[in-house]
Amino acid sequence: MGKYIFIFQKLTKIERRQIIKLKKVKKRIMKTKKKYWSGRVTKESNALDLQGGVFTWHDPVKIAKSLKNSAAKSTRRKGTPYQSAMSMLNFYINRAGKNLPAKQLEILAKAKNELKKLFKK
């Protein structure tokens, strides 16, 4: 580390400012990339093969059945079908919860209860 400090001191004032500026830009870019990882997971995750728009449906029973079927058919899950289905539902509620209407949040909460009933938990 001392070697790098020595090199940094030999640089001109303008070169040091440019390096610092580049580091700040890189840091800002990395923050932006990290900020939206949950949206990417929701779209690109291959843990479960969910039906399109499953979390936008208005029937909690239908949502729960779809999640159960997807989890049961999946060969890529790490836990039990119940754990996979429930974690996917919780993930969606926790990540999209701020932007969801109260009515849809209520439907998803009911879907959690239906999922528990379907798996007899």
Protein backbone atom coordinates (compact mmCIF):
# COMPACT_ATOMS: atom_id res chain seq x y z
CA MET A 1 0.00 0.00 0.00
CA GLY A 2 2.87 2.38 0.78
CA LYS A 3 4.15 1.99 -2.78
CA TYR A 4 0.86 3.32 -4.17
CA ILE A 5 0.87 6.33 -1.88
CA PHE A 6 4.38 7.16 -3.05
CA ILE A 7 3.30 6.96 -6.72
CA PHE A 8 0.23 9.07 -5.97
CA GLN A 9 2.39 11.79 -4.42
CA LYS A 10 4.59 11.98 -7.55
CA LEU A 11 1.59 12.74 -9.76
CA THR A 12 0.72 16.30 -10.65
CA LYS A 13 -2.18 18.01 -8.97
CA ILE A 14 -4.34 17.68 -12.11
CA GLU A 15 -3.60 13.94 -12.44
CA ARG A 16 -4.53 13.35 -8.80
CA ARG A 17 -7.82 15.19 -9.28
CA GLN A 18 -8.58 13.12 -12.38
CA ILE A 19 -7.94 9.87 -10.50
CA ILE A 20 -10.15 10.95 -7.62
CA LYS A 21 -12.88 12.00 -10.05
CA LEU A 22 -12.71 8.63 -11.84
CA LYS A 23 -12.99 6.80 -8.52
CA LYS A 24 -16.08 8.81 -7.61
CA VAL A 25 -17.69 8.12 -10.98
CA LYS A 26 -16.95 4.40 -10.65
CA LYS A 27 -18.42 4.38 -7.15
CA ARG A 28 -21.60 6.10 -8.40
CA ILE A 29 -21.97 3.59 -11.24
CA MET A 30 -21.54 0.67 -8.85
CA LYS A 31 -24.18 2.09 -6.50
CA THR A 32 -26.65 2.39 -9.38
CA LYS A 33 -25.99 -1.19 -10.46
CA LYS A 34 -26.51 -2.53 -6.94
CA LYS A 35 -29.65 -0.48 -6.40
CA TYR A 36 -31.85 -2.44 -8.78
CA TRP A 37 -30.71 -6.04 -8.24
CA SER A 38 -34.14 -7.09 -6.96
CA GLY A 39 -35.88 -6.11 -10.18
CA ARG A 40 -33.38 -8.15 -12.14
CA VAL A 41 -33.97 -11.15 -9.87
CA THR A 42 -37.72 -10.88 -10.32
CA LYS A 43 -37.39 -10.83 -14.11
CA GLU A 44 -34.46 -13.18 -14.69
CA SER A 45 -34.52 -15.63 -11.78
CA ASN A 46 -34.69 -19.23 -12.86
CA ALA A 47 -35.41 -20.67 -9.41
CA LEU A 48 -39.08 -21.16 -10.27
CA ASP A 49 -40.84 -21.07 -13.62
CA LEU A 50 -43.67 -18.73 -12.66
CA GLN A 51 -46.63 -17.98 -14.85
CA GLY A 52 -46.55 -14.51 -16.33
CA GLY A 53 -48.08 -11.81 -14.14
CA VAL A 54 -48.85 -14.21 -11.30
CA PHE A 55 -48.41 -11.49 -8.67
CA THR A 56 -50.85 -9.16 -10.43
CA TRP A 57 -53.79 -11.57 -10.28
CA HIS A 58 -56.72 -10.67 -8.04
CA ASP A 59 -57.52 -14.18 -6.78
CA PRO A 60 -55.36 -15.30 -3.81
CA VAL A 61 -56.30 -18.97 -4.29
CA LYS A 62 -55.23 -18.88 -7.92
CA ILE A 63 -51.92 -17.20 -6.99
CA ALA A 64 -51.24 -19.79 -4.28
CA LYS A 65 -52.04 -22.73 -6.58
CA SER A 66 -49.80 -21.34 -9.31
CA LEU A 67 -46.89 -20.87 -6.86
CA LYS A 68 -47.40 -24.38 -5.49
CA ASN A 69 -47.39 -25.94 -8.96
CA SER A 70 -44.31 -23.97 -10.02
CA ALA A 71 -42.42 -24.95 -6.87
CA ALA A 72 -43.42 -28.60 -7.13
CA LYS A 73 -42.33 -28.85 -10.78
CA SER A 74 -39.04 -27.00 -10.30
CA THR A 75 -35.86 -29.05 -10.26
CA ARG A 76 -33.67 -26.03 -9.52
CA ARG A 77 -34.97 -25.15 -6.07
CA LYS A 78 -32.79 -25.61 -3.00
CA GLY A 79 -35.42 -26.10 -0.29
CA THR A 80 -38.80 -27.77 -0.11
CA PRO A 81 -41.56 -26.71 -2.51
CA TYR A 82 -43.26 -24.87 0.36
CA GLN A 83 -40.09 -22.93 1.20
CA SER A 84 -39.51 -22.00 -2.44
CA ALA A 85 -43.07 -20.86 -3.04
CA MET A 86 -43.30 -18.89 0.19
CA SER A 87 -39.90 -17.25 -0.27
CA MET A 88 -40.77 -16.15 -3.80
CA LEU A 89 -44.03 -14.63 -2.57
CA ASN A 90 -42.30 -12.92 0.37
CA PHE A 91 -39.55 -11.65 -1.90
CA TYR A 92 -42.09 -10.03 -4.18
CA ILE A 93 -44.07 -8.50 -1.31
CA ASN A 94 -40.93 -7.12 0.36
CA ARG A 95 -39.38 -5.71 -2.82
CA ALA A 96 -42.44 -4.39 -4.61
CA GLY A 97 -44.41 -3.58 -1.48
CA LYS A 98 -43.68 0.15 -1.51
CA ASN A 99 -45.15 0.57 -4.98
CA LEU A 100 -48.09 -1.83 -4.72
CA PRO A 101 -51.60 -0.60 -4.04
CA ALA A 102 -52.99 -1.55 -0.63
CA LYS A 103 -55.60 -3.79 -2.27
CA GLN A 104 -52.94 -5.85 -4.08
CA LEU A 105 -50.87 -6.15 -0.88
CA GLU A 106 -53.96 -7.48 0.87
CA ILE A 107 -54.51 -10.03 -1.93
CA LEU A 108 -50.90 -11.19 -1.67
CA ALA A 109 -51.18 -11.49 2.12
CA LYS A 110 -54.25 -13.68 1.61
CA ALA A 111 -52.29 -15.70 -0.94
CA LYS A 112 -49.71 -16.43 1.79
CA ASN A 113 -52.46 -17.86 3.98
CA GLU A 114 -53.83 -19.90 1.06
CA LEU A 115 -50.34 -21.22 0.36
CA LYS A 116 -50.08 -22.38 3.98
CA LYS A 117 -53.42 -24.15 3.65
CA LEU A 118 -52.42 -25.82 0.37
CA PHE A 119 -49.23 -27.18 1.94
CA LYS A 120 -51.12 -28.00 5.18
CA LYS A 121 -48.80 -25.87 7.31
